[in-house]
Amino acid sequence: LRNAALESLKYRSELALVRQQDIDVTNFEESLNDFKERFARNYDLA
């Protein structure tokens, strides 16, 4: 059970890292959406 838990802990650590990366991805997504809006305005004018 201990070895199985250690493997699970490794997966949980990787999941936590992915979740942290998801936060960074969320910030990146907000910046990307702002860029998309500004780009859309310029695109509309052009």
ModelCIF file with pLDDT and N, C-alpha, C, O atoms, coordinates in Angstrom:
data_MODEL
#
_entry.id   MODEL 
#
_entity.id                         1 
_entity.type                       polymer 
_entity.pdbx_number_of_molecules   1 
#
_entity_poly.entity_id                      1 
_entity_poly.type                           'polypeptide(L)' 
_entity_poly.nstd_linkage                   no 
_entity_poly.nstd_monomer                   no 
_entity_poly.pdbx_seq_one_letter_code       LRNAALESLKYRSELALVRQQDIDVTNFEESLNDFKERFARNYDLA 
_entity_poly.pdbx_seq_one_letter_code_can   LRNAALESLKYRSELALVRQQDIDVTNFEESLNDFKERFARNYDLA 
_entity_poly.pdbx_strand_id                 A 
#
loop_
_entity_poly_seq.entity_id 
_entity_poly_seq.num 
_entity_poly_seq.mon_id 
_entity_poly_seq.hetero 
1 1  LEU n 
1 2  ARG n 
1 3  ASN n 
1 4  ALA n 
1 5  ALA n 
1 6  LEU n 
1 7  GLU n 
1 8  SER n 
1 9  LEU n 
1 10 LYS n 
1 11 TYR n 
1 12 ARG n 
1 13 SER n 
1 14 GLU n 
1 15 LEU n 
1 16 ALA n 
1 17 LEU n 
1 18 VAL n 
1 19 ARG n 
1 20 GLN n 
1 21 GLN n 
1 22 ASP n 
1 23 ILE n 
1 24 ASP n 
1 25 VAL n 
1 26 THR n 
1 27 ASN n 
1 28 PHE n 
1 29 GLU n 
1 30 GLU n 
1 31 SER n 
1 32 LEU n 
1 33 ASN n 
1 34 ASP n 
1 35 PHE n 
1 36 LYS n 
1 37 GLU n 
1 38 ARG n 
1 39 PHE n 
1 40 ALA n 
1 41 ARG n 
1 42 ASN n 
1 43 TYR n 
1 44 ASP n 
1 45 LEU n 
1 46 ALA n 
#
_struct_asym.id          A 
_struct_asym.entity_id   1 
#
loop_
_ma_qa_metric.id 
_ma_qa_metric.mode 
_ma_qa_metric.name 
_ma_qa_metric.software_group_id 
_ma_qa_metric.type 
1 global pLDDT . pLDDT 
2 local  pLDDT . pLDDT 
#
_ma_qa_metric_global.metric_id      1 
_ma_qa_metric_global.metric_value   74.13 
_ma_qa_metric_global.model_id       1 
_ma_qa_metric_global.ordinal_id     1 
#
loop_
_ma_qa_metric_local.label_asym_id 
_ma_qa_metric_local.label_comp_id 
_ma_qa_metric_local.label_seq_id 
_ma_qa_metric_local.metric_id 
_ma_qa_metric_local.metric_value 
_ma_qa_metric_local.model_id 
_ma_qa_metric_local.ordinal_id 
A LEU 1  2 89.00 1 1  
A ARG 2  2 87.00 1 2  
A ASN 3  2 87.00 1 3  
A ALA 4  2 86.00 1 4  
A ALA 5  2 84.00 1 5  
A LEU 6  2 83.00 1 6  
A GLU 7  2 82.00 1 7  
A SER 8  2 78.00 1 8  
A LEU 9  2 76.00 1 9  
A LYS 10 2 77.00 1 10 
A TYR 11 2 76.00 1 11 
A ARG 12 2 72.00 1 12 
A SER 13 2 72.00 1 13 
A GLU 14 2 76.00 1 14 
A LEU 15 2 76.00 1 15 
A ALA 16 2 70.00 1 16 
A LEU 17 2 74.00 1 17 
A VAL 18 2 74.00 1 18 
A ARG 19 2 71.00 1 19 
A GLN 20 2 70.00 1 20 
A GLN 21 2 68.00 1 21 
A ASP 22 2 62.00 1 22 
A ILE 23 2 60.00 1 23 
A ASP 24 2 59.00 1 24 
A VAL 25 2 59.00 1 25 
A THR 26 2 63.00 1 26 
A ASN 27 2 68.00 1 27 
A PHE 28 2 66.00 1 28 
A GLU 29 2 70.00 1 29 
A GLU 30 2 75.00 1 30 
A SER 31 2 73.00 1 31 
A LEU 32 2 72.00 1 32 
A ASN 33 2 76.00 1 33 
A ASP 34 2 78.00 1 34 
A PHE 35 2 73.00 1 35 
A LYS 36 2 73.00 1 36 
A GLU 37 2 80.00 1 37 
A ARG 38 2 79.00 1 38 
A PHE 39 2 72.00 1 39 
A ALA 40 2 75.00 1 40 
A ARG 41 2 80.00 1 41 
A ASN 42 2 77.00 1 42 
A TYR 43 2 68.00 1 43 
A ASP 44 2 75.00 1 44 
A LEU 45 2 77.00 1 45 
A ALA 46 2 72.00 1 46 
#
loop_
_atom_site.group_PDB 
_atom_site.id 
_atom_site.type_symbol 
_atom_site.label_atom_id 
_atom_site.label_alt_id 
_atom_site.label_comp_id 
_atom_site.label_asym_id 
_atom_site.label_entity_id 
_atom_site.label_seq_id 
_atom_site.pdbx_PDB_ins_code 
_atom_site.Cartn_x 
_atom_site.Cartn_y 
_atom_site.Cartn_z 
_atom_site.occupancy 
_atom_site.B_iso_or_equiv 
_atom_site.pdbx_formal_charge 
_atom_site.auth_seq_id 
_atom_site.auth_comp_id 
_atom_site.auth_asym_id 
_atom_site.auth_atom_id 
_atom_site.pdbx_PDB_model_num 
ATOM 1   N N  . LEU A 1 1  ? 0.833   -1.209 0.000   1.00 89.00 ? 1  LEU A N  1 
ATOM 2   C CA . LEU A 1 1  ? 0.000   0.000  0.000   1.00 89.00 ? 1  LEU A CA 1 
ATOM 3   C C  . LEU A 1 1  ? 0.863   1.253  0.000   1.00 89.00 ? 1  LEU A C  1 
ATOM 4   O O  . LEU A 1 1  ? 0.514   2.247  -0.637  1.00 89.00 ? 1  LEU A O  1 
ATOM 5   N N  . ARG A 1 2  ? 1.992   1.215  0.713   1.00 87.00 ? 2  ARG A N  1 
ATOM 6   C CA . ARG A 1 2  ? 2.901   2.367  0.764   1.00 87.00 ? 2  ARG A CA 1 
ATOM 7   C C  . ARG A 1 2  ? 3.478   2.673  -0.608  1.00 87.00 ? 2  ARG A C  1 
ATOM 8   O O  . ARG A 1 2  ? 3.519   3.832  -1.021  1.00 87.00 ? 2  ARG A O  1 
ATOM 9   N N  . ASN A 1 3  ? 3.928   1.633  -1.323  1.00 87.00 ? 3  ASN A N  1 
ATOM 10  C CA . ASN A 1 3  ? 4.485   1.850  -2.663  1.00 87.00 ? 3  ASN A CA 1 
ATOM 11  C C  . ASN A 1 3  ? 3.420   2.389  -3.612  1.00 87.00 ? 3  ASN A C  1 
ATOM 12  O O  . ASN A 1 3  ? 3.679   3.287  -4.413  1.00 87.00 ? 3  ASN A O  1 
ATOM 13  N N  . ALA A 1 4  ? 2.212   1.824  -3.508  1.00 86.00 ? 4  ALA A N  1 
ATOM 14  C CA . ALA A 1 4  ? 1.129   2.338  -4.344  1.00 86.00 ? 4  ALA A CA 1 
ATOM 15  C C  . ALA A 1 4  ? 0.829   3.796  -4.021  1.00 86.00 ? 4  ALA A C  1 
ATOM 16  O O  . ALA A 1 4  ? 0.558   4.591  -4.921  1.00 86.00 ? 4  ALA A O  1 
ATOM 17  N N  . ALA A 1 5  ? 0.878   4.150  -2.729  1.00 84.00 ? 5  ALA A N  1 
ATOM 18  C CA . ALA A 1 5  ? 0.628   5.549  -2.333  1.00 84.00 ? 5  ALA A CA 1 
ATOM 19  C C  . ALA A 1 5  ? 1.721   6.465  -2.843  1.00 84.00 ? 5  ALA A C  1 
ATOM 20  O O  . ALA A 1 5  ? 1.446   7.588  -3.266  1.00 84.00 ? 5  ALA A O  1 
ATOM 21  N N  . LEU A 1 6  ? 2.969   5.993  -2.808  1.00 83.00 ? 6  LEU A N  1 
ATOM 22  C CA . LEU A 1 6  ? 4.067   6.814  -3.330  1.00 83.00 ? 6  LEU A CA 1 
ATOM 23  C C  . LEU A 1 6  ? 3.875   7.087  -4.813  1.00 83.00 ? 6  LEU A C  1 
ATOM 24  O O  . LEU A 1 6  ? 4.093   8.206  -5.279  1.00 83.00 ? 6  LEU A O  1 
ATOM 25  N N  . GLU A 1 7  ? 3.472   6.071  -5.546  1.00 82.00 ? 7  GLU A N  1 
ATOM 26  C CA . GLU A 1 7  ? 3.172   6.293  -6.958  1.00 82.00 ? 7  GLU A CA 1 
ATOM 27  C C  . GLU A 1 7  ? 2.022   7.271  -7.115  1.00 82.00 ? 7  GLU A C  1 
ATOM 28  O O  . GLU A 1 7  ? 2.052   8.153  -7.974  1.00 82.00 ? 7  GLU A O  1 
ATOM 29  N N  . SER A 1 8  ? 1.002   7.104  -6.273  1.00 78.00 ? 8  SER A N  1 
ATOM 30  C CA . SER A 1 8  ? -0.132  8.030  -6.330  1.00 78.00 ? 8  SER A CA 1 
ATOM 31  C C  . SER A 1 8  ? 0.298   9.441  -5.973  1.00 78.00 ? 8  SER A C  1 
ATOM 32  O O  . SER A 1 8  ? -0.173  10.411 -6.568  1.00 78.00 ? 8  SER A O  1 
ATOM 33  N N  . LEU A 1 9  ? 1.214   9.558  -4.979  1.00 76.00 ? 9  LEU A N  1 
ATOM 34  C CA . LEU A 1 9  ? 1.707   10.878 -4.608  1.00 76.00 ? 9  LEU A CA 1 
ATOM 35  C C  . LEU A 1 9  ? 2.445   11.530 -5.759  1.00 76.00 ? 9  LEU A C  1 
ATOM 36  O O  . LEU A 1 9  ? 2.321   12.731 -5.995  1.00 76.00 ? 9  LEU A O  1 
ATOM 37  N N  . LYS A 1 10 ? 3.213   10.724 -6.471  1.00 77.00 ? 10 LYS A N  1 
ATOM 38  C CA . LYS A 1 10 ? 3.916   11.280 -7.632  1.00 77.00 ? 10 LYS A CA 1 
ATOM 39  C C  . LYS A 1 10 ? 2.923   11.810 -8.654  1.00 77.00 ? 10 LYS A C  1 
ATOM 40  O O  . LYS A 1 10 ? 3.113   12.872 -9.248  1.00 77.00 ? 10 LYS A O  1 
ATOM 41  N N  . TYR A 1 11 ? 1.836   11.023 -8.844  1.00 76.00 ? 11 TYR A N  1 
ATOM 42  C CA . TYR A 1 11 ? 0.818   11.488 -9.792  1.00 76.00 ? 11 TYR A CA 1 
ATOM 43  C C  . TYR A 1 11 ? 0.102   12.729 -9.261  1.00 76.00 ? 11 TYR A C  1 
ATOM 44  O O  . TYR A 1 11 ? -0.241  13.628 -10.029 1.00 76.00 ? 11 TYR A O  1 
ATOM 45  N N  . ARG A 1 12 ? -0.128  12.779 -7.908  1.00 72.00 ? 12 ARG A N  1 
ATOM 46  C CA . ARG A 1 12 ? -0.776  13.955 -7.339  1.00 72.00 ? 12 ARG A CA 1 
ATOM 47  C C  . ARG A 1 12 ? 0.123   15.184 -7.471  1.00 72.00 ? 12 ARG A C  1 
ATOM 48  O O  . ARG A 1 12 ? -0.358  16.291 -7.715  1.00 72.00 ? 12 ARG A O  1 
ATOM 49  N N  . SER A 1 13 ? 1.432   14.979 -7.308  1.00 72.00 ? 13 SER A N  1 
ATOM 50  C CA . SER A 1 13 ? 2.358   16.100 -7.491  1.00 72.00 ? 13 SER A CA 1 
ATOM 51  C C  . SER A 1 13 ? 2.325   16.595 -8.925  1.00 72.00 ? 13 SER A C  1 
ATOM 52  O O  . SER A 1 13 ? 2.316   17.797 -9.189  1.00 72.00 ? 13 SER A O  1 
ATOM 53  N N  . GLU A 1 14 ? 2.306   15.638 -9.844  1.00 76.00 ? 14 GLU A N  1 
ATOM 54  C CA . GLU A 1 14 ? 2.219   16.037 -11.246 1.00 76.00 ? 14 GLU A CA 1 
ATOM 55  C C  . GLU A 1 14 ? 0.904   16.747 -11.527 1.00 76.00 ? 14 GLU A C  1 
ATOM 56  O O  . GLU A 1 14 ? 0.851   17.692 -12.315 1.00 76.00 ? 14 GLU A O  1 
ATOM 57  N N  . LEU A 1 15 ? -0.170  16.276 -10.866 1.00 76.00 ? 15 LEU A N  1 
ATOM 58  C CA . LEU A 1 15 ? -1.464  16.932 -11.053 1.00 76.00 ? 15 LEU A CA 1 
ATOM 59  C C  . LEU A 1 15 ? -1.453  18.346 -10.492 1.00 76.00 ? 15 LEU A C  1 
ATOM 60  O O  . LEU A 1 15 ? -1.999  19.271 -11.094 1.00 76.00 ? 15 LEU A O  1 
ATOM 61  N N  . ALA A 1 16 ? -0.811  18.505 -9.307  1.00 70.00 ? 16 ALA A N  1 
ATOM 62  C CA . ALA A 1 16 ? -0.708  19.857 -8.736  1.00 70.00 ? 16 ALA A CA 1 
ATOM 63  C C  . ALA A 1 16 ? 0.086   20.773 -9.655  1.00 70.00 ? 16 ALA A C  1 
ATOM 64  O O  . ALA A 1 16 ? -0.270  21.935 -9.850  1.00 70.00 ? 16 ALA A O  1 
ATOM 65  N N  . LEU A 1 17 ? 1.170   20.236 -10.220 1.00 74.00 ? 17 LEU A N  1 
ATOM 66  C CA . LEU A 1 17 ? 1.953   21.026 -11.163 1.00 74.00 ? 17 LEU A CA 1 
ATOM 67  C C  . LEU A 1 17 ? 1.128   21.407 -12.374 1.00 74.00 ? 17 LEU A C  1 
ATOM 68  O O  . LEU A 1 17 ? 1.214   22.529 -12.875 1.00 74.00 ? 17 LEU A O  1 
ATOM 69  N N  . VAL A 1 18 ? 0.331   20.467 -12.836 1.00 74.00 ? 18 VAL A N  1 
ATOM 70  C CA . VAL A 1 18 ? -0.529  20.763 -13.987 1.00 74.00 ? 18 VAL A CA 1 
ATOM 71  C C  . VAL A 1 18 ? -1.553  21.822 -13.625 1.00 74.00 ? 18 VAL A C  1 
ATOM 72  O O  . VAL A 1 18 ? -1.851  22.718 -14.415 1.00 74.00 ? 18 VAL A O  1 
ATOM 73  N N  . ARG A 1 19 ? -2.094  21.703 -12.396 1.00 71.00 ? 19 ARG A N  1 
ATOM 74  C CA . ARG A 1 19 ? -3.053  22.728 -11.969 1.00 71.00 ? 19 ARG A CA 1 
ATOM 75  C C  . ARG A 1 19 ? -2.388  24.108 -11.898 1.00 71.00 ? 19 ARG A C  1 
ATOM 76  O O  . ARG A 1 19 ? -2.983  25.105 -12.307 1.00 71.00 ? 19 ARG A O  1 
ATOM 77  N N  . GLN A 1 20 ? -1.143  24.165 -11.375 1.00 70.00 ? 20 GLN A N  1 
ATOM 78  C CA . GLN A 1 20 ? -0.412  25.430 -11.359 1.00 70.00 ? 20 GLN A CA 1 
ATOM 79  C C  . GLN A 1 20 ? -0.195  25.944 -12.765 1.00 70.00 ? 20 GLN A C  1 
ATOM 80  O O  . GLN A 1 20 ? -0.309  27.138 -13.046 1.00 70.00 ? 20 GLN A O  1 
ATOM 81  N N  . GLN A 1 21 ? 0.121   25.007 -13.637 1.00 68.00 ? 21 GLN A N  1 
ATOM 82  C CA . GLN A 1 21 ? 0.280   25.389 -15.039 1.00 68.00 ? 21 GLN A CA 1 
ATOM 83  C C  . GLN A 1 21 ? -1.035  25.864 -15.620 1.00 68.00 ? 21 GLN A C  1 
ATOM 84  O O  . GLN A 1 21 ? -1.058  26.727 -16.497 1.00 68.00 ? 21 GLN A O  1 
ATOM 85  N N  . ASP A 1 22 ? -2.144  25.296 -15.128 1.00 62.00 ? 22 ASP A N  1 
ATOM 86  C CA . ASP A 1 22 ? -3.456  25.744 -15.601 1.00 62.00 ? 22 ASP A CA 1 
ATOM 87  C C  . ASP A 1 22 ? -3.710  27.181 -15.212 1.00 62.00 ? 22 ASP A C  1 
ATOM 88  O O  . ASP A 1 22 ? -4.322  27.946 -15.958 1.00 62.00 ? 22 ASP A O  1 
ATOM 89  N N  . ILE A 1 23 ? -3.213  27.553 -13.985 1.00 60.00 ? 23 ILE A N  1 
ATOM 90  C CA . ILE A 1 23 ? -3.362  28.951 -13.571 1.00 60.00 ? 23 ILE A CA 1 
ATOM 91  C C  . ILE A 1 23 ? -2.592  29.863 -14.510 1.00 60.00 ? 23 ILE A C  1 
ATOM 92  O O  . ILE A 1 23 ? -3.099  30.900 -14.940 1.00 60.00 ? 23 ILE A O  1 
ATOM 93  N N  . ASP A 1 24 ? -1.353  29.468 -14.828 1.00 59.00 ? 24 ASP A N  1 
ATOM 94  C CA . ASP A 1 24 ? -0.555  30.256 -15.773 1.00 59.00 ? 24 ASP A CA 1 
ATOM 95  C C  . ASP A 1 24 ? -1.229  30.293 -17.134 1.00 59.00 ? 24 ASP A C  1 
ATOM 96  O O  . ASP A 1 24 ? -1.224  31.313 -17.824 1.00 59.00 ? 24 ASP A O  1 
ATOM 97  N N  . VAL A 1 25 ? -1.802  29.168 -17.499 1.00 59.00 ? 25 VAL A N  1 
ATOM 98  C CA . VAL A 1 25 ? -2.502  29.127 -18.780 1.00 59.00 ? 25 VAL A CA 1 
ATOM 99  C C  . VAL A 1 25 ? -3.710  30.043 -18.769 1.00 59.00 ? 25 VAL A C  1 
ATOM 100 O O  . VAL A 1 25 ? -4.044  30.658 -19.782 1.00 59.00 ? 25 VAL A O  1 
ATOM 101 N N  . THR A 1 26 ? -4.382  30.135 -17.590 1.00 63.00 ? 26 THR A N  1 
ATOM 102 C CA . THR A 1 26 ? -5.544  31.033 -17.485 1.00 63.00 ? 26 THR A CA 1 
ATOM 103 C C  . THR A 1 26 ? -5.115  32.483 -17.687 1.00 63.00 ? 26 THR A C  1 
ATOM 104 O O  . THR A 1 26 ? -5.766  33.232 -18.415 1.00 63.00 ? 26 THR A O  1 
ATOM 105 N N  . ASN A 1 27 ? -3.999  32.882 -17.029 1.00 68.00 ? 27 ASN A N  1 
ATOM 106 C CA . ASN A 1 27 ? -3.488  34.247 -17.229 1.00 68.00 ? 27 ASN A CA 1 
ATOM 107 C C  . ASN A 1 27 ? -3.101  34.476 -18.677 1.00 68.00 ? 27 ASN A C  1 
ATOM 108 O O  . ASN A 1 27 ? -3.393  35.521 -19.259 1.00 68.00 ? 27 ASN A O  1 
ATOM 109 N N  . PHE A 1 28 ? -2.453  33.503 -19.233 1.00 66.00 ? 28 PHE A N  1 
ATOM 110 C CA . PHE A 1 28 ? -2.086  33.627 -20.642 1.00 66.00 ? 28 PHE A CA 1 
ATOM 111 C C  . PHE A 1 28 ? -3.323  33.734 -21.515 1.00 66.00 ? 28 PHE A C  1 
ATOM 112 O O  . PHE A 1 28 ? -3.352  34.470 -22.502 1.00 66.00 ? 28 PHE A O  1 
ATOM 113 N N  . GLU A 1 29 ? -4.357  32.972 -21.123 1.00 70.00 ? 29 GLU A N  1 
ATOM 114 C CA . GLU A 1 29 ? -5.586  33.011 -21.916 1.00 70.00 ? 29 GLU A CA 1 
ATOM 115 C C  . GLU A 1 29 ? -6.242  34.385 -21.839 1.00 70.00 ? 29 GLU A C  1 
ATOM 116 O O  . GLU A 1 29 ? -6.771  34.876 -22.836 1.00 70.00 ? 29 GLU A O  1 
ATOM 117 N N  . GLU A 1 30 ? -6.209  35.022 -20.636 1.00 75.00 ? 30 GLU A N  1 
ATOM 118 C CA . GLU A 1 30 ? -6.771  36.369 -20.515 1.00 75.00 ? 30 GLU A CA 1 
ATOM 119 C C  . GLU A 1 30 ? -6.003  37.350 -21.392 1.00 75.00 ? 30 GLU A C  1 
ATOM 120 O O  . GLU A 1 30 ? -6.599  38.166 -22.095 1.00 75.00 ? 30 GLU A O  1 
ATOM 121 N N  . SER A 1 31 ? -4.672  37.264 -21.343 1.00 73.00 ? 31 SER A N  1 
ATOM 122 C CA . SER A 1 31 ? -3.869  38.150 -22.201 1.00 73.00 ? 31 SER A CA 1 
ATOM 123 C C  . SER A 1 31 ? -4.162  37.886 -23.670 1.00 73.00 ? 31 SER A C  1 
ATOM 124 O O  . SER A 1 31 ? -4.244  38.804 -24.486 1.00 73.00 ? 31 SER A O  1 
ATOM 125 N N  . LEU A 1 32 ? -4.315  36.630 -23.973 1.00 72.00 ? 32 LEU A N  1 
ATOM 126 C CA . LEU A 1 32 ? -4.610  36.273 -25.354 1.00 72.00 ? 32 LEU A CA 1 
ATOM 127 C C  . LEU A 1 32 ? -5.969  36.808 -25.788 1.00 72.00 ? 32 LEU A C  1 
ATOM 128 O O  . LEU A 1 32 ? -6.127  37.278 -26.915 1.00 72.00 ? 32 LEU A O  1 
ATOM 129 N N  . ASN A 1 33 ? -6.949  36.736 -24.892 1.00 76.00 ? 33 ASN A N  1 
ATOM 130 C CA . ASN A 1 33 ? -8.275  37.272 -25.230 1.00 76.00 ? 33 ASN A CA 1 
ATOM 131 C C  . ASN A 1 33 ? -8.220  38.777 -25.438 1.00 76.00 ? 33 ASN A C  1 
ATOM 132 O O  . ASN A 1 33 ? -8.857  39.296 -26.355 1.00 76.00 ? 33 ASN A O  1 
ATOM 133 N N  . ASP A 1 34 ? -7.443  39.508 -24.576 1.00 78.00 ? 34 ASP A N  1 
ATOM 134 C CA . ASP A 1 34 ? -7.301  40.952 -24.751 1.00 78.00 ? 34 ASP A CA 1 
ATOM 135 C C  . ASP A 1 34 ? -6.648  41.261 -26.088 1.00 78.00 ? 34 ASP A C  1 
ATOM 136 O O  . ASP A 1 34 ? -7.074  42.160 -26.812 1.00 78.00 ? 34 ASP A O  1 
ATOM 137 N N  . PHE A 1 35 ? -5.601  40.497 -26.404 1.00 73.00 ? 35 PHE A N  1 
ATOM 138 C CA . PHE A 1 35 ? -4.947  40.699 -27.698 1.00 73.00 ? 35 PHE A CA 1 
ATOM 139 C C  . PHE A 1 35 ? -5.909  40.412 -28.848 1.00 73.00 ? 35 PHE A C  1 
ATOM 140 O O  . PHE A 1 35 ? -5.908  41.106 -29.865 1.00 73.00 ? 35 PHE A O  1 
ATOM 141 N N  . LYS A 1 36 ? -6.728  39.375 -28.667 1.00 73.00 ? 36 LYS A N  1 
ATOM 142 C CA . LYS A 1 36 ? -7.681  39.022 -29.724 1.00 73.00 ? 36 LYS A CA 1 
ATOM 143 C C  . LYS A 1 36 ? -8.701  40.138 -29.916 1.00 73.00 ? 36 LYS A C  1 
ATOM 144 O O  . LYS A 1 36 ? -9.088  40.432 -31.047 1.00 73.00 ? 36 LYS A O  1 
ATOM 145 N N  . GLU A 1 37 ? -9.147  40.770 -28.810 1.00 80.00 ? 37 GLU A N  1 
ATOM 146 C CA . GLU A 1 37 ? -10.110 41.859 -28.949 1.00 80.00 ? 37 GLU A CA 1 
ATOM 147 C C  . GLU A 1 37 ? -9.503  43.040 -29.693 1.00 80.00 ? 37 GLU A C  1 
ATOM 148 O O  . GLU A 1 37 ? -10.094 43.580 -30.628 1.00 80.00 ? 37 GLU A O  1 
ATOM 149 N N  . ARG A 1 38 ? -8.291  43.431 -29.250 1.00 79.00 ? 38 ARG A N  1 
ATOM 150 C CA . ARG A 1 38 ? -7.636  44.573 -29.919 1.00 79.00 ? 38 ARG A CA 1 
ATOM 151 C C  . ARG A 1 38 ? -7.328  44.241 -31.377 1.00 79.00 ? 38 ARG A C  1 
ATOM 152 O O  . ARG A 1 38 ? -7.491  45.073 -32.269 1.00 79.00 ? 38 ARG A O  1 
ATOM 153 N N  . PHE A 1 39 ? -6.880  43.010 -31.597 1.00 72.00 ? 39 PHE A N  1 
ATOM 154 C CA . PHE A 1 39 ? -6.614  42.603 -32.962 1.00 72.00 ? 39 PHE A CA 1 
ATOM 155 C C  . PHE A 1 39 ? -7.889  42.587 -33.800 1.00 72.00 ? 39 PHE A C  1 
ATOM 156 O O  . PHE A 1 39 ? -7.867  42.891 -34.993 1.00 72.00 ? 39 PHE A O  1 
ATOM 157 N N  . ALA A 1 40 ? -9.008  42.226 -33.152 1.00 75.00 ? 40 ALA A N  1 
ATOM 158 C CA . ALA A 1 40 ? -10.278 42.189 -33.868 1.00 75.00 ? 40 ALA A CA 1 
ATOM 159 C C  . ALA A 1 40 ? -10.702 43.595 -34.295 1.00 75.00 ? 40 ALA A C  1 
ATOM 160 O O  . ALA A 1 40 ? -11.200 43.802 -35.402 1.00 75.00 ? 40 ALA A O  1 
ATOM 161 N N  . ARG A 1 41 ? -10.490 44.574 -33.374 1.00 80.00 ? 41 ARG A N  1 
ATOM 162 C CA . ARG A 1 41 ? -10.842 45.960 -33.733 1.00 80.00 ? 41 ARG A CA 1 
ATOM 163 C C  . ARG A 1 41 ? -9.996  46.415 -34.911 1.00 80.00 ? 41 ARG A C  1 
ATOM 164 O O  . ARG A 1 41 ? -10.524 46.944 -35.889 1.00 80.00 ? 41 ARG A O  1 
ATOM 165 N N  . ASN A 1 42 ? -8.699  46.215 -34.825 1.00 77.00 ? 42 ASN A N  1 
ATOM 166 C CA . ASN A 1 42 ? -7.832  46.629 -35.930 1.00 77.00 ? 42 ASN A CA 1 
ATOM 167 C C  . ASN A 1 42 ? -8.193  45.870 -37.218 1.00 77.00 ? 42 ASN A C  1 
ATOM 168 O O  . ASN A 1 42 ? -8.153  46.419 -38.319 1.00 77.00 ? 42 ASN A O  1 
ATOM 169 N N  . TYR A 1 43 ? -8.532  44.637 -37.044 1.00 68.00 ? 43 TYR A N  1 
ATOM 170 C CA . TYR A 1 43 ? -8.900  43.847 -38.230 1.00 68.00 ? 43 TYR A CA 1 
ATOM 171 C C  . TYR A 1 43 ? -10.186 44.383 -38.857 1.00 68.00 ? 43 TYR A C  1 
ATOM 172 O O  . TYR A 1 43 ? -10.330 44.425 -40.079 1.00 68.00 ? 43 TYR A O  1 
ATOM 173 N N  . ASP A 1 44 ? -11.127 44.798 -37.981 1.00 75.00 ? 44 ASP A N  1 
ATOM 174 C CA . ASP A 1 44 ? -12.385 45.324 -38.508 1.00 75.00 ? 44 ASP A CA 1 
ATOM 175 C C  . ASP A 1 44 ? -12.148 46.603 -39.307 1.00 75.00 ? 44 ASP A C  1 
ATOM 176 O O  . ASP A 1 44 ? -12.695 46.785 -40.395 1.00 75.00 ? 44 ASP A O  1 
ATOM 177 N N  . LEU A 1 45 ? -11.308 47.498 -38.735 1.00 77.00 ? 45 LEU A N  1 
ATOM 178 C CA . LEU A 1 45 ? -10.997 48.733 -39.458 1.00 77.00 ? 45 LEU A CA 1 
ATOM 179 C C  . LEU A 1 45 ? -10.301 48.429 -40.781 1.00 77.00 ? 45 LEU A C  1 
ATOM 180 O O  . LEU A 1 45 ? -10.662 48.959 -41.832 1.00 77.00 ? 45 LEU A O  1 
ATOM 181 N N  . ALA A 1 46 ? -9.295  47.562 -40.700 1.00 72.00 ? 46 ALA A N  1 
ATOM 182 C CA . ALA A 1 46 ? -8.577  47.224 -41.934 1.00 72.00 ? 46 ALA A CA 1 
ATOM 183 C C  . ALA A 1 46 ? -9.501  46.549 -42.936 1.00 72.00 ? 46 ALA A C  1 
ATOM 184 O O  . ALA A 1 46 ? -9.068  46.193 -44.032 1.00 72.00 ? 46 ALA A O  1 
#
